[in-house]
C-alpha atoms as a PDB file:
ATOM      1  CA  MET A   1     207.821   2.142 103.862  1.00  0.00           C
ATOM      2  CA  GLY A   2     205.483   3.499 106.478  1.00  0.00           C
ATOM      3  CA  ARG A   3     203.743   2.684 109.670  1.00  0.00           C
ATOM      4  CA  ARG A   4     200.025   3.117 110.676  1.00  0.00           C
ATOM      5  CA  ARG A   5     199.129   5.463 112.974  1.00  0.00           C
ATOM      6  CA  LYS A   6     197.365   3.459 116.108  1.00  0.00           C
ATOM      7  CA  ARG A   7     194.044   4.967 115.366  1.00  0.00           C
ATOM      8  CA  ALA A   8     193.694   3.403 112.115  1.00  0.00           C
ATOM      9  CA  ARG A   9     191.331   0.943 112.329  1.00  0.00           C
ATOM     10  CA  PHE A  10     192.122  -1.484 109.723  1.00  0.00           C
ATOM     11  CA  LEU A  11     196.322  -2.709 110.542  1.00  0.00           C
ATOM     12  CA  PRO A  12     197.696   0.278 113.338  1.00  0.00           C
ATOM     13  CA  ASP A  13     201.114   0.394 114.184  1.00  0.00           C
ATOM     14  CA  ILE A  14     201.976  -2.372 111.606  1.00  0.00           C
ATOM     15  CA  TYR A  15     203.931  -1.289 108.408  1.00  0.00           C
ATOM     16  CA  VAL A  16     202.280  -0.952 105.574  1.00  0.00           C
ATOM     17  CA  PHE A  17     203.601   0.173 101.703  1.00  0.00           C
ATOM     18  CA  PRO A  18     201.712   3.261 100.058  1.00  0.00           C
ATOM     19  CA  GLY A  19     198.187   2.748  98.866  1.00  0.00           C
ATOM     20  CA  GLY A  20     194.570   3.393  98.633  1.00  0.00           C
ATOM     21  CA  ARG A  21     191.214   2.365  96.327  1.00  0.00           C
ATOM     22  CA  VAL A  22     190.975   4.073  93.043  1.00  0.00           C
ATOM     23  CA  ASP A  23     189.167   7.406  92.316  1.00  0.00           C
ATOM     24  CA  THR A  24     186.620   8.685  89.407  1.00  0.00           C
ATOM     25  CA  ALA A  25     189.821  10.829  88.276  1.00  0.00           C
ATOM     26  CA  ASP A  26     191.933   7.325  87.003  1.00  0.00           C
ATOM     27  CA  ARG A  27     188.749   6.647  85.618  1.00  0.00           C
ATOM     28  CA  ASN A  28     188.408   9.262  83.906  1.00  0.00           C
ATOM     29  CA  VAL A  29     191.754   9.685  82.370  1.00  0.00           C
ATOM     30  CA  PRO A  30     191.317   9.817  77.993  1.00  0.00           C
ATOM     31  CA  ASN A  31     192.071   7.010  76.459  1.00  0.00           C
ATOM     32  CA  GLY A  32     195.778   6.940  74.741  1.00  0.00           C
ATOM     33  CA  LEU A  33     197.625   9.316  76.251  1.00  0.00           C
ATOM     34  CA  PHE A  34     199.372   6.918  78.166  1.00  0.00           C
ATOM     35  CA  SER A  35     200.233   3.232  78.063  1.00  0.00           C
ATOM     36  CA  LEU A  36     201.272   0.344  80.064  1.00  0.00           C
ATOM     37  CA  SER A  37     204.407  -1.999  79.040  1.00  0.00           C
ATOM     38  CA  ALA A  38     203.176  -4.714  76.885  1.00  0.00           C
ATOM     39  CA  GLU A  39     203.065  -7.349  79.877  1.00  0.00           C
ATOM     40  CA  THR A  40     201.673  -5.515  82.691  1.00  0.00           C
ATOM     41  CA  GLU A  41     198.980  -4.396  80.791  1.00  0.00           C
ATOM     42  CA  LEU A  42     198.246  -8.216  79.763  1.00  0.00           C
ATOM     43  CA  ASP A  43     198.996  -9.219  82.856  1.00  0.00           C
ATOM     44  CA  LEU A  44     195.905  -6.909  84.791  1.00  0.00           C
ATOM     45  CA  ARG A  45     193.811  -7.727  81.833  1.00  0.00           C
ATOM     46  CA  ARG A  46     193.765 -11.148  82.647  1.00  0.00           C
ATOM     47  CA  ASP A  47     193.133 -11.671  86.071  1.00  0.00           C
ATOM     48  CA  THR A  48     190.916  -8.131  86.610  1.00  0.00           C
ATOM     49  CA  PRO A  49     188.958  -7.989  83.240  1.00  0.00           C
ATOM     50  CA  SER A  50     186.640  -5.727  84.956  1.00  0.00           C
ATOM     51  CA  THR A  51     188.352  -2.726  86.449  1.00  0.00           C
ATOM     52  CA  SER A  52     190.377  -0.458  83.049  1.00  0.00           C
ATOM     53  CA  PRO A  53     194.247  -1.199  83.477  1.00  0.00           C
ATOM     54  CA  LEU A  54     195.151   2.105  83.634  1.00  0.00           C
ATOM     55  CA  ALA A  55     193.482   2.793  86.177  1.00  0.00           C
ATOM     56  CA  LEU A  56     194.730   0.721  88.579  1.00  0.00           C
ATOM     57  CA  ALA A  57     198.322   2.065  87.778  1.00  0.00           C
ATOM     58  CA  LEU A  58     197.552   5.610  88.397  1.00  0.00           C
ATOM     59  CA  ALA A  59     195.774   5.269  91.380  1.00  0.00           C
ATOM     60  CA  ALA A  60     198.827   3.261  92.280  1.00  0.00           C
ATOM     61  CA  ILE A  61     201.309   5.796  91.581  1.00  0.00           C
ATOM     62  CA  ARG A  62     198.177   8.723  93.137  1.00  0.00           C
ATOM     63  CA  GLU A  63     198.106   7.127  96.048  1.00  0.00           C
ATOM     64  CA  THR A  64     202.109   6.795  96.562  1.00  0.00           C
ATOM     65  CA  HIS A  65     202.475  10.371  95.393  1.00  0.00           C
ATOM     66  CA  GLU A  66     199.486  11.796  98.363  1.00  0.00           C
ATOM     67  CA  GLU A  67     201.413   8.896 100.677  1.00  0.00           C
ATOM     68  CA  THR A  68     204.457   9.800 100.472  1.00  0.00           C
ATOM     69  CA  GLY A  69     205.107  13.107  98.266  1.00  0.00           C
ATOM     70  CA  TYR A  70     207.081  10.795  95.079  1.00  0.00           C
ATOM     71  CA  LEU A  71     206.353  11.668  91.611  1.00  0.00           C
ATOM     72  CA  LEU A  72     207.168   8.516  89.412  1.00  0.00           C
ATOM     73  CA  GLY A  73     207.289  10.349  86.439  1.00  0.00           C
ATOM     74  CA  ARG A  74     208.567  11.364  82.871  1.00  0.00           C
ATOM     75  CA  THR A  75     208.740  14.650  81.451  1.00  0.00           C
ATOM     76  CA  ALA A  76     205.968  15.640  79.420  1.00  0.00           C
ATOM     77  CA  SER A  77     204.511  18.800  77.275  1.00  0.00           C
ATOM     78  CA  GLY A  78     201.737  20.933  77.992  1.00  0.00           C
ATOM     79  CA  ALA A  79     199.457  19.381  75.451  1.00  0.00           C
ATOM     80  CA  VAL A  80     200.007  15.993  77.290  1.00  0.00           C
ATOM     81  CA  LEU A  81     198.691  17.738  80.360  1.00  0.00           C
ATOM     82  CA  SER A  82     195.969  20.159  78.988  1.00  0.00           C
ATOM     83  CA  PRO A  83     192.952  17.805  79.256  1.00  0.00           C
ATOM     84  CA  LEU A  84     193.752  16.081  82.631  1.00  0.00           C
ATOM     85  CA  PRO A  85     191.006  16.315  85.268  1.00  0.00           C
ATOM     86  CA  SER A  86     191.705  19.212  87.528  1.00  0.00           C
ATOM     87  CA  THR A  87     192.850  17.541  91.047  1.00  0.00           C
ATOM     88  CA  PRO A  88     195.708  18.162  93.431  1.00  0.00           C
ATOM     89  CA  PHE A  89     197.381  15.466  91.719  1.00  0.00           C
ATOM     90  CA  TRP A  90     197.144  16.653  88.038  1.00  0.00           C
ATOM     91  CA  SER A  91     197.866  19.606  89.458  1.00  0.00           C
ATOM     92  CA  ALA A  92     200.828  17.882  90.177  1.00  0.00           C
ATOM     93  CA  CYS A  93     201.695  16.767  87.942  1.00  0.00           C
ATOM     94  CA  GLN A  94     201.380  19.670  85.869  1.00  0.00           C
ATOM     95  CA  GLU A  95     203.510  22.573  87.875  1.00  0.00           C
ATOM     96  CA  ALA A  96     206.475  18.800  87.915  1.00  0.00           C
ATOM     97  CA  GLY A  97     205.835  19.398  84.582  1.00  0.00           C
ATOM     98  CA  MET A  98     205.787  16.370  84.639  1.00  0.00           C
ATOM     99  CA  VAL A  99     203.233  12.677  83.993  1.00  0.00           C
ATOM    100  CA  PRO A 100     202.482   9.324  85.573  1.00  0.00           C
ATOM    101  CA  ASP A 101     205.213   6.641  83.894  1.00  0.00           C
ATOM    102  CA  VAL A 102     202.755   3.811  83.841  1.00  0.00           C
ATOM    103  CA  ALA A 103     205.545   2.047  81.808  1.00  0.00           C
ATOM    104  CA  ALA A 104     207.649   1.725  85.288  1.00  0.00           C
ATOM    105  CA  LEU A 105     205.352  -0.374  87.034  1.00  0.00           C
ATOM    106  CA  ASP A 106     205.617  -4.531  86.620  1.00  0.00           C
ATOM    107  CA  TYR A 107     202.385  -5.930  88.188  1.00  0.00           C
ATOM    108  CA  ILE A 108     203.639  -8.645  90.395  1.00  0.00           C
ATOM    109  CA  MET A 109     201.064  -9.701  92.834  1.00  0.00           C
ATOM    110  CA  ARG A 110     196.744  -9.898  94.110  1.00  0.00           C
ATOM    111  CA  ALA A 111     195.917 -10.503  97.324  1.00  0.00           C
ATOM    112  CA  LEU A 112     191.958 -10.174  98.821  1.00  0.00           C
ATOM    113  CA  THR A 113     191.546 -10.094 102.461  1.00  0.00           C
ATOM    114  CA  PRO A 114     189.280 -13.049 104.668  1.00  0.00           C
ATOM    115  CA  THR A 115     185.777 -12.727 104.694  1.00  0.00           C
ATOM    116  CA  LEU A 116     186.035 -12.031 107.603  1.00  0.00           C
ATOM    117  CA  SER A 117     187.633  -8.889 107.841  1.00  0.00           C
ATOM    118  CA  PRO A 118     186.463  -5.640 109.451  1.00  0.00           C
ATOM    119  CA  ARG A 119     187.345  -4.121 105.677  1.00  0.00           C
ATOM    120  CA  ARG A 120     187.512  -6.069 102.370  1.00  0.00           C
ATOM    121  CA  PHE A 121     190.668  -4.927  99.818  1.00  0.00           C
ATOM    122  CA  ASN A 122     190.833  -6.090  96.550  1.00  0.00           C
ATOM    123  CA  THR A 123     194.721  -5.339  95.900  1.00  0.00           C
ATOM    124  CA  ARG A 124     197.365  -4.879  93.321  1.00  0.00           C
ATOM    125  CA  PHE A 125     200.597  -4.800  93.689  1.00  0.00           C
ATOM    126  CA  PHE A 126     203.167  -2.867  91.876  1.00  0.00           C
ATOM    127  CA  LEU A 127     207.037  -2.675  91.573  1.00  0.00           C
ATOM    128  CA  ALA A 128     208.806   0.483  90.242  1.00  0.00           C
ATOM    129  CA  ASP A 129     212.494   1.426  90.644  1.00  0.00           C
ATOM    130  CA  GLY A 130     212.734   3.919  93.153  1.00  0.00           C
ATOM    131  CA  ALA A 131     215.340   6.073  91.284  1.00  0.00           C
ATOM    132  CA  GLY A 132     211.866   7.118  88.494  1.00  0.00           C
ATOM    133  CA  CYS A 133     210.649   9.042  91.242  1.00  0.00           C
ATOM    134  CA  ARG A 134     210.710  13.125  92.049  1.00  0.00           C
ATOM    135  CA  GLY A 135     210.535  14.797  94.919  1.00  0.00           C
ATOM    136  CA  GLU A 136     210.808  15.367  99.149  1.00  0.00           C
ATOM    137  CA  LEU A 137     209.302  12.613 101.523  1.00  0.00           C
ATOM    138  CA  LEU A 138     206.977  13.621 103.310  1.00  0.00           C
ATOM    139  CA  VAL A 139     207.563  13.687 107.417  1.00  0.00           C
ATOM    140  CA  ASP A 140     204.496  14.605 108.741  1.00  0.00           C
ATOM    141  CA  GLY A 141     200.945  12.248 106.369  1.00  0.00           C
ATOM    142  CA  GLU A 142     198.598   9.738 106.597  1.00  0.00           C
ATOM    143  CA  LEU A 143     201.788   6.768 106.808  1.00  0.00           C
ATOM    144  CA  GLU A 144     204.320   8.006 110.454  1.00  0.00           C
ATOM    145  CA  ASP A 145     208.323   7.101 110.287  1.00  0.00           C
ATOM    146  CA  LEU A 146     207.783   6.780 106.459  1.00  0.00           C
ATOM    147  CA  HIS A 147     211.482   5.648 104.984  1.00  0.00           C
ATOM    148  CA  TRP A 148     213.231   4.014 102.103  1.00  0.00           C
ATOM    149  CA  LEU A 149     214.953   0.549 103.529  1.00  0.00           C
ATOM    150  CA  PRO A 150     216.129  -1.786 102.365  1.00  0.00           C
ATOM    151  CA  LEU A 151     214.870  -4.947 102.013  1.00  0.00           C
ATOM    152  CA  ASP A 152     215.629  -8.272 103.904  1.00  0.00           C
ATOM    153  CA  GLU A 153     215.416  -4.904 107.017  1.00  0.00           C
ATOM    154  CA  ALA A 154     211.911  -4.410 105.905  1.00  0.00           C
ATOM    155  CA  PHE A 155     210.679  -8.453 106.716  1.00  0.00           C
ATOM    156  CA  ASP A 156     212.106  -7.556 110.591  1.00  0.00           C
ATOM    157  CA  LEU A 157     209.391  -5.176 110.284  1.00  0.00           C
ATOM    158  CA  PRO A 158     205.604  -5.353 112.242  1.00  0.00           C
ATOM    159  CA  ILE A 159     203.788  -6.565 108.636  1.00  0.00           C
ATOM    160  CA  ILE A 160     201.320  -9.100 107.830  1.00  0.00           C
ATOM    161  CA  ASP A 161     201.829 -11.884 105.367  1.00  0.00           C
ATOM    162  CA  VAL A 162     200.617 -10.498 102.616  1.00  0.00           C
ATOM    163  CA  THR A 163     203.118  -7.615 103.142  1.00  0.00           C
ATOM    164  CA  GLU A 164     205.948 -10.460 103.420  1.00  0.00           C
ATOM    165  CA  LEU A 165     204.248 -12.032 100.466  1.00  0.00           C
ATOM    166  CA  ALA A 166     204.647  -9.246  98.235  1.00  0.00           C
ATOM    167  CA  LEU A 167     208.108  -8.100  99.925  1.00  0.00           C
ATOM    168  CA  THR A 168     209.069 -12.198  98.068  1.00  0.00           C
ATOM    169  CA  ALA A 169     207.402 -11.612  94.154  1.00  0.00           C
ATOM    170  CA  ALA A 170     208.975  -7.702  94.140  1.00  0.00           C
ATOM    171  CA  ARG A 171     212.575  -9.645  94.917  1.00  0.00           C
ATOM    172  CA  GLN A 172     211.828 -12.184  92.648  1.00  0.00           C
ATOM    173  CA  ARG A 173     210.889 -10.098  90.120  1.00  0.00           C
ATOM    174  CA  TRP A 174     213.977  -7.432  90.664  1.00  0.00           C
ATOM    175  CA  GLN A 175     216.033 -10.307  90.528  1.00  0.00           C
ATOM    176  CA  GLY A 176     214.139 -11.972  86.988  1.00  0.00           C
ATOM    177  CA  ARG A 177     214.884  -8.792  85.633  1.00  0.00           C
ATOM    178  CA  ALA A 178     218.582  -8.692  85.957  1.00  0.00           C
ATOM    179  CA  LEU A 179     218.445 -11.478  84.136  1.00  0.00           C
ATOM    180  CA  GLY A 180     215.827 -10.779  81.373  1.00  0.00           C
ATOM    181  CA  LYS A 181     213.477 -12.965  82.451  1.00  0.00           C
ATOM    182  CA  ARG A 182     209.296 -12.337  83.799  1.00  0.00           C
ATOM    183  CA  PRO A 183     207.484 -15.150  85.161  1.00  0.00           C
ATOM    184  CA  SER A 184     204.922 -16.312  83.495  1.00  0.00           C
ATOM    185  CA  THR A 185     202.207 -16.168  85.956  1.00  0.00           C
ATOM    186  CA  ILE A 186     200.621 -13.097  89.258  1.00  0.00           C
ATOM    187  CA  PRO A 187     200.162 -14.723  92.714  1.00  0.00           C
ATOM    188  CA  PHE A 188     196.974 -14.224  94.077  1.00  0.00           C
ATOM    189  CA  VAL A 189     197.204 -14.718  97.157  1.00  0.00           C
ATOM    190  CA  HIS A 190     193.677 -15.562  99.064  1.00  0.00           C
ATOM    191  CA  TYR A 191     191.585 -17.096 101.549  1.00  0.00           C
ATOM    192  CA  VAL A 192     189.310 -19.565 101.589  1.00  0.00           C
ATOM    193  CA  ARG A 193     187.227 -20.658 105.195  1.00  0.00           C
ATOM    194  CA  ASP A 194     189.568 -17.959 106.334  1.00  0.00           C
ATOM    195  CA  ARG A 195     192.599 -21.005 105.496  1.00  0.00           C
ATOM    196  CA  GLN A 196     194.831 -19.114 103.379  1.00  0.00           C
ATOM    197  CA  ARG A 197     195.692 -19.239  99.387  1.00  0.00           C
ATOM    198  CA  ILE A 198     197.481 -19.207  97.216  1.00  0.00           C
ATOM    199  CA  ASP A 199     196.533 -19.858  93.274  1.00  0.00           C
ATOM    200  CA  HIS A 200     199.276 -18.421  90.169  1.00  0.00           C
ATOM    201  CA  VAL A 201     197.273 -17.145  87.386  1.00  0.00           C
END
């Protein structure tokens, strides 16, 4: 996790996960080159049928790389890399001889900011094993004080309620993995008349 800068327009000095929006290159990767796990694909299609599950997964991995320096990837041949977009992220993948490992992602939660928020976000949270990451942690990037930390310590940082819920969802999913169990629903955190509501879809 890392701390948003003091001058940030949204949530200054608050600790967050790496993340950001889906961009054009995320949407333009040729179909059939990468596959999410069947469960993650199904959950994303059920939850957000108008948005490409692959684009969401690629955005998560790309933004994590851009904000942390880490690439969640797998080794790939040049033949796989050749038709991909010409962007700094994909150039970094090619240089490393890797492609994003979208199959390593579990979809764990969705959150929509309140209507009164100065900036609106429709966010999907993913979980992956950090052991699959390659690269060097950025020292001076978009987020300050960027570092790994035990999950229990994350709750003691200045974080918002949605981040607390995402940490809890991550813990439950990780523990479920160890038991070979998957939840039948995904939490959807949103606000009705600015009161938090959690549905399960």
